[in-house]
């Protein structure tokens, strides 16, 4: 975790506000989640679009 202090601060703030958590999990995002966050669309959408474009560009022998 890049900034564990921020998570600790969040938990303290939640406790101070009377918000009780029953469970919490912190994990690194998957490559697909990171791609979506950066590009705004799913990686599989890109792959499907690339495949369709490749099929359009194929020249019959």
C-alpha atoms as a PDB file:
ATOM      1  CA  UNK A   1       0.000   0.000   0.000  1.00  0.00           C
ATOM      2  CA  UNK A   2       1.512   3.280  -1.088  1.00  0.00           C
ATOM      3  CA  UNK A   3       0.110   5.419   1.726  1.00  0.00           C
ATOM      4  CA  UNK A   4      -0.995   3.351   4.709  1.00  0.00           C
ATOM      5  CA  UNK A   5      -1.370   6.510   6.808  1.00  0.00           C
ATOM      6  CA  UNK A   6      -4.320   7.608   4.665  1.00  0.00           C
ATOM      7  CA  UNK A   7      -6.127   4.345   5.394  1.00  0.00           C
ATOM      8  CA  UNK A   8      -5.434   4.738   9.096  1.00  0.00           C
ATOM      9  CA  UNK A   9      -6.730   8.331   8.988  1.00  0.00           C
ATOM     10  CA  UNK A  10      -9.870   7.143   7.220  1.00  0.00           C
ATOM     11  CA  UNK A  11     -10.535   4.484   9.837  1.00  0.00           C
ATOM     12  CA  UNK A  12     -10.024   6.965  12.659  1.00  0.00           C
ATOM     13  CA  UNK A  13     -12.400   9.453  11.024  1.00  0.00           C
ATOM     14  CA  UNK A  14     -15.055   6.782  10.533  1.00  0.00           C
ATOM     15  CA  UNK A  15     -14.756   5.760  14.191  1.00  0.00           C
ATOM     16  CA  UNK A  16     -14.927   9.387  15.346  1.00  0.00           C
ATOM     17  CA  UNK A  17     -18.109   9.898  13.310  1.00  0.00           C
ATOM     18  CA  UNK A  18     -19.699   6.798  14.848  1.00  0.00           C
ATOM     19  CA  UNK A  19     -19.553   4.765  11.645  1.00  0.00           C
ATOM     20  CA  UNK A  20     -18.801   1.172  12.562  1.00  0.00           C
ATOM     21  CA  UNK A  21     -17.432  -1.173   9.938  1.00  0.00           C
ATOM     22  CA  UNK A  22     -18.271  -4.845  10.002  1.00  0.00           C
ATOM     23  CA  UNK A  23     -15.571  -5.677   7.482  1.00  0.00           C
ATOM     24  CA  UNK A  24     -12.871  -3.977   5.441  1.00  0.00           C
ATOM     25  CA  UNK A  25     -10.534  -5.224   2.778  1.00  0.00           C
ATOM     26  CA  UNK A  26      -7.706  -3.457   0.974  1.00  0.00           C
ATOM     27  CA  UNK A  27      -6.104  -4.987  -2.067  1.00  0.00           C
ATOM     28  CA  UNK A  28      -4.179  -3.979  -5.139  1.00  0.00           C
ATOM     29  CA  UNK A  29      -6.307  -3.460  -8.248  1.00  0.00           C
ATOM     30  CA  UNK A  30      -6.179  -6.006 -11.035  1.00  0.00           C
ATOM     31  CA  UNK A  31      -4.687  -5.048 -14.378  1.00  0.00           C
ATOM     32  CA  UNK A  32      -8.219  -4.846 -15.816  1.00  0.00           C
ATOM     33  CA  UNK A  33      -9.323  -2.484 -13.009  1.00  0.00           C
ATOM     34  CA  UNK A  34      -6.280  -0.276 -13.565  1.00  0.00           C
ATOM     35  CA  UNK A  35      -6.889  -0.191 -17.328  1.00  0.00           C
ATOM     36  CA  UNK A  36     -10.525   0.803 -16.754  1.00  0.00           C
ATOM     37  CA  UNK A  37      -9.549   3.544 -14.300  1.00  0.00           C
ATOM     38  CA  UNK A  38      -6.976   4.994 -16.718  1.00  0.00           C
ATOM     39  CA  UNK A  39      -8.828   4.658 -20.035  1.00  0.00           C
ATOM     40  CA  UNK A  40     -12.465   4.782 -18.946  1.00  0.00           C
ATOM     41  CA  UNK A  41     -13.358   1.581 -20.763  1.00  0.00           C
ATOM     42  CA  UNK A  42     -12.922  -2.149 -20.367  1.00  0.00           C
ATOM     43  CA  UNK A  43      -9.864  -3.893 -21.836  1.00  0.00           C
ATOM     44  CA  UNK A  44     -12.060  -6.563 -23.441  1.00  0.00           C
ATOM     45  CA  UNK A  45     -13.893  -3.828 -25.366  1.00  0.00           C
ATOM     46  CA  UNK A  46     -10.544  -2.756 -26.825  1.00  0.00           C
ATOM     47  CA  UNK A  47      -9.614  -6.326 -27.728  1.00  0.00           C
ATOM     48  CA  UNK A  48     -12.954  -6.931 -29.444  1.00  0.00           C
ATOM     49  CA  UNK A  49     -12.690  -3.659 -31.382  1.00  0.00           C
ATOM     50  CA  UNK A  50      -9.146  -4.498 -32.480  1.00  0.00           C
ATOM     51  CA  UNK A  51     -10.269  -7.949 -33.637  1.00  0.00           C
ATOM     52  CA  UNK A  52     -13.139  -6.478 -35.670  1.00  0.00           C
ATOM     53  CA  UNK A  53     -10.798  -3.931 -37.267  1.00  0.00           C
ATOM     54  CA  UNK A  54      -8.303  -6.660 -38.114  1.00  0.00           C
ATOM     55  CA  UNK A  55     -11.036  -8.733 -39.745  1.00  0.00           C
ATOM     56  CA  UNK A  56     -12.124  -5.728 -41.849  1.00  0.00           C
ATOM     57  CA  UNK A  57      -8.563  -5.112 -43.030  1.00  0.00           C
ATOM     58  CA  UNK A  58      -7.889  -8.713 -44.088  1.00  0.00           C
ATOM     59  CA  UNK A  59      -7.502  -9.060 -47.837  1.00  0.00           C
ATOM     60  CA  UNK A  60      -8.659 -12.353 -49.359  1.00  0.00           C
ATOM     61  CA  UNK A  61      -5.883 -14.237 -51.148  1.00  0.00           C
END
